[in-house]
Amino acid sequence: MTMDKPTTFQELIAGDKPVLVDFFAEWCGPCRMMPPILNELKAMVGEQATVIKVDVDKNPGAAATYQVRGVPTLIIFKNGQPVWRRSGVVNAAQLKEAMLPHL
């Protein structure tokens, strides 16, 4: 039996593995600072966690569901529930520290 890749946002965040979601917008200056930080975090946590980006303009439903009012907003989900959130640019060390209890 093969597992299909999760397709919906709910499926993506439902797993036991923590998922860091970066809610961003193309027009947002500070959001452009996040990709290298997210890459650095991914290098630190490897396969223990998932990192995804969600464009709030293309996915207004997800943004509304989690009351994302400003971008970037970073939320860590575990088993489908938000367990940590922060708005603004956050460095990789802070993100790793926030994620450690959920790994």
C-alpha atoms as a PDB file:
ATOM      1  CA  MET A   1       0.000   0.000   0.000  1.00  0.00           C
ATOM      2  CA  THR A   2       1.407   3.380  -0.936  1.00  0.00           C
ATOM      3  CA  MET A   3       0.690   6.538   0.977  1.00  0.00           C
ATOM      4  CA  ASP A   4      -0.447   9.454  -1.117  1.00  0.00           C
ATOM      5  CA  LYS A   5       1.095  12.815  -0.444  1.00  0.00           C
ATOM      6  CA  PRO A   6      -1.225  14.895   1.744  1.00  0.00           C
ATOM      7  CA  THR A   7      -3.106  17.357  -0.389  1.00  0.00           C
ATOM      8  CA  THR A   8      -5.070  19.561   1.962  1.00  0.00           C
ATOM      9  CA  PHE A   9      -3.712  21.920   4.582  1.00  0.00           C
ATOM     10  CA  GLN A  10      -5.546  19.924   7.261  1.00  0.00           C
ATOM     11  CA  GLU A  11      -3.802  16.726   6.113  1.00  0.00           C
ATOM     12  CA  LEU A  12      -0.426  18.465   6.075  1.00  0.00           C
ATOM     13  CA  ILE A  13      -0.707  19.597   9.703  1.00  0.00           C
ATOM     14  CA  ALA A  14      -2.494  16.500  11.046  1.00  0.00           C
ATOM     15  CA  GLY A  15       0.577  14.346  11.603  1.00  0.00           C
ATOM     16  CA  ASP A  16       2.536  13.562  14.722  1.00  0.00           C
ATOM     17  CA  LYS A  17       5.558  15.342  13.240  1.00  0.00           C
ATOM     18  CA  PRO A  18       5.590  19.083  14.026  1.00  0.00           C
ATOM     19  CA  VAL A  19       4.881  21.334  11.047  1.00  0.00           C
ATOM     20  CA  LEU A  20       6.102  24.925  10.917  1.00  0.00           C
ATOM     21  CA  VAL A  21       3.858  26.977   8.661  1.00  0.00           C
ATOM     22  CA  ASP A  22       5.108  30.310   7.347  1.00  0.00           C
ATOM     23  CA  PHE A  23       2.063  32.373   6.353  1.00  0.00           C
ATOM     24  CA  PHE A  24       3.427  34.943   3.904  1.00  0.00           C
ATOM     25  CA  ALA A  25       2.526  37.236   1.015  1.00  0.00           C
ATOM     26  CA  GLU A  26       4.487  38.002  -2.156  1.00  0.00           C
ATOM     27  CA  TRP A  27       4.213  41.764  -1.538  1.00  0.00           C
ATOM     28  CA  CYS A  28       5.529  41.566   2.043  1.00  0.00           C
ATOM     29  CA  GLY A  29       9.122  42.797   2.480  1.00  0.00           C
ATOM     30  CA  PRO A  30       9.891  41.030   5.783  1.00  0.00           C
ATOM     31  CA  CYS A  31       8.491  37.781   4.322  1.00  0.00           C
ATOM     32  CA  ARG A  32      11.354  37.797   1.815  1.00  0.00           C
ATOM     33  CA  MET A  33      13.784  37.446   4.736  1.00  0.00           C
ATOM     34  CA  MET A  34      12.252  34.127   5.840  1.00  0.00           C
ATOM     35  CA  PRO A  35      13.316  31.576   3.138  1.00  0.00           C
ATOM     36  CA  PRO A  36      17.027  31.455   4.150  1.00  0.00           C
ATOM     37  CA  ILE A  37      15.966  31.260   7.831  1.00  0.00           C
ATOM     38  CA  LEU A  38      13.539  28.411   7.070  1.00  0.00           C
ATOM     39  CA  ASN A  39      16.264  26.603   5.085  1.00  0.00           C
ATOM     40  CA  GLU A  40      18.624  26.968   8.061  1.00  0.00           C
ATOM     41  CA  LEU A  41      15.959  25.600  10.418  1.00  0.00           C
ATOM     42  CA  LYS A  42      15.261  22.671   8.072  1.00  0.00           C
ATOM     43  CA  ALA A  43      19.001  21.885   8.057  1.00  0.00           C
ATOM     44  CA  MET A  44      18.932  21.815  11.884  1.00  0.00           C
ATOM     45  CA  VAL A  45      15.824  19.642  12.338  1.00  0.00           C
ATOM     46  CA  GLY A  46      16.026  17.519   9.189  1.00  0.00           C
ATOM     47  CA  GLU A  47      13.249  14.962   8.844  1.00  0.00           C
ATOM     48  CA  GLN A  48      12.036  15.476  12.430  1.00  0.00           C
ATOM     49  CA  ALA A  49       9.838  18.350  11.291  1.00  0.00           C
ATOM     50  CA  THR A  50       8.134  19.704   8.187  1.00  0.00           C
ATOM     51  CA  VAL A  51       8.392  23.315   7.020  1.00  0.00           C
ATOM     52  CA  ILE A  52       5.824  24.713   4.610  1.00  0.00           C
ATOM     53  CA  LYS A  53       4.960  28.137   3.258  1.00  0.00           C
ATOM     54  CA  VAL A  54       1.380  29.291   2.742  1.00  0.00           C
ATOM     55  CA  ASP A  55       0.630  32.345   0.584  1.00  0.00           C
ATOM     56  CA  VAL A  56      -2.225  34.148   2.365  1.00  0.00           C
ATOM     57  CA  ASP A  57      -3.411  35.711  -0.899  1.00  0.00           C
ATOM     58  CA  LYS A  58      -3.753  32.290  -2.553  1.00  0.00           C
ATOM     59  CA  ASN A  59      -5.054  30.524   0.589  1.00  0.00           C
ATOM     60  CA  PRO A  60      -7.300  33.033   2.380  1.00  0.00           C
ATOM     61  CA  GLY A  61      -9.262  30.205   4.012  1.00  0.00           C
ATOM     62  CA  ALA A  62      -6.261  28.849   5.886  1.00  0.00           C
ATOM     63  CA  ALA A  63      -5.231  32.371   6.901  1.00  0.00           C
ATOM     64  CA  ALA A  64      -8.741  33.136   8.169  1.00  0.00           C
ATOM     65  CA  THR A  65      -9.034  29.847  10.053  1.00  0.00           C
ATOM     66  CA  TYR A  66      -5.917  30.657  12.099  1.00  0.00           C
ATOM     67  CA  GLN A  67      -6.608  34.404  12.420  1.00  0.00           C
ATOM     68  CA  VAL A  68      -3.500  35.388  10.492  1.00  0.00           C
ATOM     69  CA  ARG A  69      -3.764  39.190  10.481  1.00  0.00           C
ATOM     70  CA  GLY A  70      -0.203  40.132   9.578  1.00  0.00           C
ATOM     71  CA  VAL A  71       2.571  38.491   7.593  1.00  0.00           C
ATOM     72  CA  PRO A  72       4.863  36.811   8.144  1.00  0.00           C
ATOM     73  CA  THR A  73       3.077  34.755  10.801  1.00  0.00           C
ATOM     74  CA  LEU A  74       4.743  31.512  11.843  1.00  0.00           C
ATOM     75  CA  ILE A  75       2.708  28.752  13.469  1.00  0.00           C
ATOM     76  CA  ILE A  76       3.929  25.359  14.650  1.00  0.00           C
ATOM     77  CA  PHE A  77       1.265  22.654  14.417  1.00  0.00           C
ATOM     78  CA  LYS A  78       1.359  19.245  16.096  1.00  0.00           C
ATOM     79  CA  ASN A  79      -1.417  16.701  15.508  1.00  0.00           C
ATOM     80  CA  GLY A  80      -3.443  19.380  13.718  1.00  0.00           C
ATOM     81  CA  GLN A  81      -3.346  21.837  16.632  1.00  0.00           C
ATOM     82  CA  PRO A  82      -1.382  25.099  16.770  1.00  0.00           C
ATOM     83  CA  VAL A  83       1.136  24.794  19.619  1.00  0.00           C
ATOM     84  CA  TRP A  84       3.184  27.970  19.032  1.00  0.00           C
ATOM     85  CA  ARG A  85       2.842  31.132  16.982  1.00  0.00           C
ATOM     86  CA  ARG A  86       4.725  34.343  16.359  1.00  0.00           C
ATOM     87  CA  SER A  87       4.312  37.222  13.935  1.00  0.00           C
ATOM     88  CA  GLY A  88       7.252  38.906  12.262  1.00  0.00           C
ATOM     89  CA  VAL A  89      10.692  37.665  11.303  1.00  0.00           C
ATOM     90  CA  VAL A  90      12.022  35.022  13.702  1.00  0.00           C
ATOM     91  CA  ASN A  91      15.561  33.660  13.465  1.00  0.00           C
ATOM     92  CA  ALA A  92      16.349  29.967  13.000  1.00  0.00           C
ATOM     93  CA  ALA A  93      17.697  29.480  16.540  1.00  0.00           C
ATOM     94  CA  GLN A  94      14.443  30.851  18.037  1.00  0.00           C
ATOM     95  CA  LEU A  95      12.371  28.651  15.719  1.00  0.00           C
ATOM     96  CA  LYS A  96      14.393  25.567  16.664  1.00  0.00           C
ATOM     97  CA  GLU A  97      13.966  26.378  20.366  1.00  0.00           C
ATOM     98  CA  ALA A  98      10.203  26.732  19.852  1.00  0.00           C
ATOM     99  CA  MET A  99      10.079  23.444  17.979  1.00  0.00           C
ATOM    100  CA  LEU A 100      12.227  21.329  20.334  1.00  0.00           C
ATOM    101  CA  PRO A 101       9.447  20.485  22.839  1.00  0.00           C
ATOM    102  CA  HIS A 102       7.345  19.117  19.959  1.00  0.00           C
ATOM    103  CA  LEU A 103       9.974  16.929  18.255  1.00  0.00           C
END
